[in-house]
Amino acid sequence: MKKKVLFKIDRGDDSITLRDVLDKIQELQRKNPDQDVFFDGDEYAVCSRPKRKST
């Protein structure tokens, strides 16, 4: 499954807090219920990918 970057975080911006990132993840989860929304530490971004279908 291919991931999509939804929100890139500037590593040099000291004003962005963990709370800001968690709030953004929650907002994007509400807007995209069919997606798994997560923080990708390698990309330093909030990303998503389609949820897997349960069988």
N, C-alpha and C. Protein backbone atom coordinates (compact mmCIF):
# COMPACT_ATOMS: atom_id res chain seq x y z
N MET A 1 0.83 -1.18 0.00
CA MET A 1 0.00 0.00 0.00
C MET A 1 0.87 1.25 0.00
N LYS A 2 0.54 2.17 -0.84
CA LYS A 2 1.32 3.39 -0.98
C LYS A 2 0.85 4.45 0.03
N LYS A 3 1.81 5.04 0.72
CA LYS A 3 1.47 6.10 1.67
C LYS A 3 1.48 7.44 0.96
N LYS A 4 0.71 8.39 1.53
CA LYS A 4 0.61 9.73 0.99
C LYS A 4 0.95 10.72 2.10
N VAL A 5 1.81 11.68 1.83
CA VAL A 5 2.17 12.71 2.80
C VAL A 5 1.04 13.74 2.83
N LEU A 6 0.45 13.94 4.01
CA LEU A 6 -0.64 14.91 4.16
C LEU A 6 -0.16 16.23 4.73
N PHE A 7 0.86 16.18 5.58
CA PHE A 7 1.32 17.38 6.29
C PHE A 7 2.80 17.22 6.61
N LYS A 8 3.64 17.99 5.95
CA LYS A 8 5.09 17.95 6.18
C LYS A 8 5.45 18.89 7.32
N ILE A 9 6.31 18.44 8.22
CA ILE A 9 6.72 19.23 9.38
C ILE A 9 8.15 19.71 9.15
N ASP A 10 8.37 21.00 9.34
CA ASP A 10 9.69 21.60 9.20
C ASP A 10 10.50 21.27 10.45
N ARG A 11 11.58 20.51 10.29
CA ARG A 11 12.41 20.11 11.43
C ARG A 11 13.02 21.31 12.16
N GLY A 12 13.23 22.40 11.47
CA GLY A 12 13.85 23.58 12.07
C GLY A 12 12.89 24.51 12.78
N ASP A 13 11.59 24.21 12.71
CA ASP A 13 10.58 25.08 13.33
C ASP A 13 10.34 24.64 14.77
N ASP A 14 10.94 25.37 15.70
CA ASP A 14 10.83 25.03 17.12
C ASP A 14 9.47 25.38 17.71
N SER A 15 8.63 26.08 16.96
CA SER A 15 7.32 26.48 17.49
C SER A 15 6.29 25.35 17.40
N ILE A 16 6.55 24.32 16.60
CA ILE A 16 5.61 23.21 16.47
C ILE A 16 5.83 22.25 17.63
N THR A 17 4.76 21.98 18.37
CA THR A 17 4.84 21.10 19.54
C THR A 17 4.27 19.72 19.21
N LEU A 18 4.52 18.79 20.09
CA LEU A 18 3.94 17.46 19.95
C LEU A 18 2.42 17.55 19.96
N ARG A 19 1.87 18.41 20.79
CA ARG A 19 0.41 18.62 20.85
C ARG A 19 -0.11 19.07 19.48
N ASP A 20 0.61 19.97 18.81
CA ASP A 20 0.22 20.43 17.47
C ASP A 20 0.16 19.25 16.49
N VAL A 21 1.15 18.40 16.55
CA VAL A 21 1.21 17.24 15.64
C VAL A 21 0.06 16.27 15.95
N LEU A 22 -0.17 15.99 17.23
CA LEU A 22 -1.26 15.07 17.61
C LEU A 22 -2.62 15.64 17.23
N ASP A 23 -2.81 16.94 17.42
CA ASP A 23 -4.06 17.59 17.01
C ASP A 23 -4.27 17.48 15.51
N LYS A 24 -3.19 17.67 14.74
CA LYS A 24 -3.28 17.58 13.27
C LYS A 24 -3.63 16.15 12.85
N ILE A 25 -3.05 15.15 13.52
CA ILE A 25 -3.36 13.75 13.21
C ILE A 25 -4.84 13.48 13.48
N GLN A 26 -5.35 13.94 14.63
CA GLN A 26 -6.76 13.72 14.96
C GLN A 26 -7.68 14.40 13.95
N GLU A 27 -7.34 15.62 13.55
CA GLU A 27 -8.13 16.35 12.56
C GLU A 27 -8.17 15.58 11.23
N LEU A 28 -7.01 15.10 10.79
CA LEU A 28 -6.95 14.38 9.53
C LEU A 28 -7.63 13.01 9.61
N GLN A 29 -7.61 12.38 10.79
CA GLN A 29 -8.34 11.11 10.97
C GLN A 29 -9.84 11.33 10.83
N ARG A 30 -10.34 12.43 11.39
CA ARG A 30 -11.77 12.74 11.26
C ARG A 30 -12.15 13.02 9.80
N LYS A 31 -11.28 13.72 9.09
CA LYS A 31 -11.56 14.08 7.69
C LYS A 31 -11.38 12.91 6.73
N ASN A 32 -10.63 11.90 7.13
CA ASN A 32 -10.30 10.76 6.26
C ASN A 32 -10.56 9.44 6.97
N PRO A 33 -11.83 9.11 7.25
CA PRO A 33 -12.11 7.90 8.02
C PRO A 33 -11.73 6.60 7.31
N ASP A 34 -11.54 6.65 6.01
CA ASP A 34 -11.17 5.46 5.25
C ASP A 34 -9.65 5.27 5.17
N GLN A 35 -8.89 6.15 5.85
CA GLN A 35 -7.43 6.12 5.81
C GLN A 35 -6.84 5.87 7.20
N ASP A 36 -5.70 5.18 7.24
CA ASP A 36 -4.89 5.11 8.45
C ASP A 36 -3.99 6.34 8.42
N VAL A 37 -4.10 7.20 9.41
CA VAL A 37 -3.29 8.42 9.48
C VAL A 37 -2.26 8.21 10.58
N PHE A 38 -0.99 8.54 10.26
CA PHE A 38 0.09 8.25 11.21
C PHE A 38 1.24 9.22 11.01
N PHE A 39 2.12 9.30 12.02
CA PHE A 39 3.34 10.11 11.92
C PHE A 39 4.45 9.23 11.40
N ASP A 40 5.12 9.68 10.36
CA ASP A 40 6.26 8.96 9.79
C ASP A 40 7.52 9.72 10.18
N GLY A 41 8.31 9.13 11.06
CA GLY A 41 9.52 9.79 11.55
C GLY A 41 10.59 9.95 10.50
N ASP A 42 10.65 9.05 9.52
CA ASP A 42 11.64 9.17 8.44
C ASP A 42 11.31 10.36 7.54
N GLU A 43 10.04 10.52 7.22
CA GLU A 43 9.59 11.63 6.38
C GLU A 43 9.42 12.92 7.20
N TYR A 44 9.31 12.78 8.51
CA TYR A 44 8.98 13.88 9.43
C TYR A 44 7.70 14.54 8.94
N ALA A 45 6.68 13.69 8.81
CA ALA A 45 5.41 14.15 8.24
C ALA A 45 4.27 13.29 8.76
N VAL A 46 3.06 13.85 8.67
CA VAL A 46 1.85 13.09 8.93
C VAL A 46 1.44 12.50 7.58
N CYS A 47 1.28 11.19 7.56
CA CYS A 47 0.99 10.47 6.32
C CYS A 47 -0.28 9.65 6.47
N SER A 48 -0.75 9.11 5.34
CA SER A 48 -1.90 8.23 5.38
C SER A 48 -1.75 7.16 4.33
N ARG A 49 -2.52 6.11 4.51
CA ARG A 49 -2.63 5.04 3.51
C ARG A 49 -4.00 4.41 3.70
N PRO A 50 -4.55 3.80 2.66
CA PRO A 50 -5.87 3.18 2.79
C PRO A 50 -5.88 2.12 3.89
N LYS A 51 -6.99 2.08 4.63
CA LYS A 51 -7.15 1.05 5.66
C LYS A 51 -7.29 -0.30 4.97
N ARG A 52 -6.74 -1.32 5.60
CA ARG A 52 -6.89 -2.68 5.07
C ARG A 52 -8.29 -3.19 5.37
N LYS A 53 -8.83 -3.91 4.44
CA LYS A 53 -10.14 -4.51 4.61
C LYS A 53 -10.01 -5.77 5.47
N SER A 54 -10.88 -5.91 6.46
CA SER A 54 -10.90 -7.11 7.29
C SER A 54 -11.56 -8.24 6.52
N THR A 55 -11.01 -9.43 6.65
CA THR A 55 -11.62 -10.58 5.97
C THR A 55 -12.18 -11.56 6.95
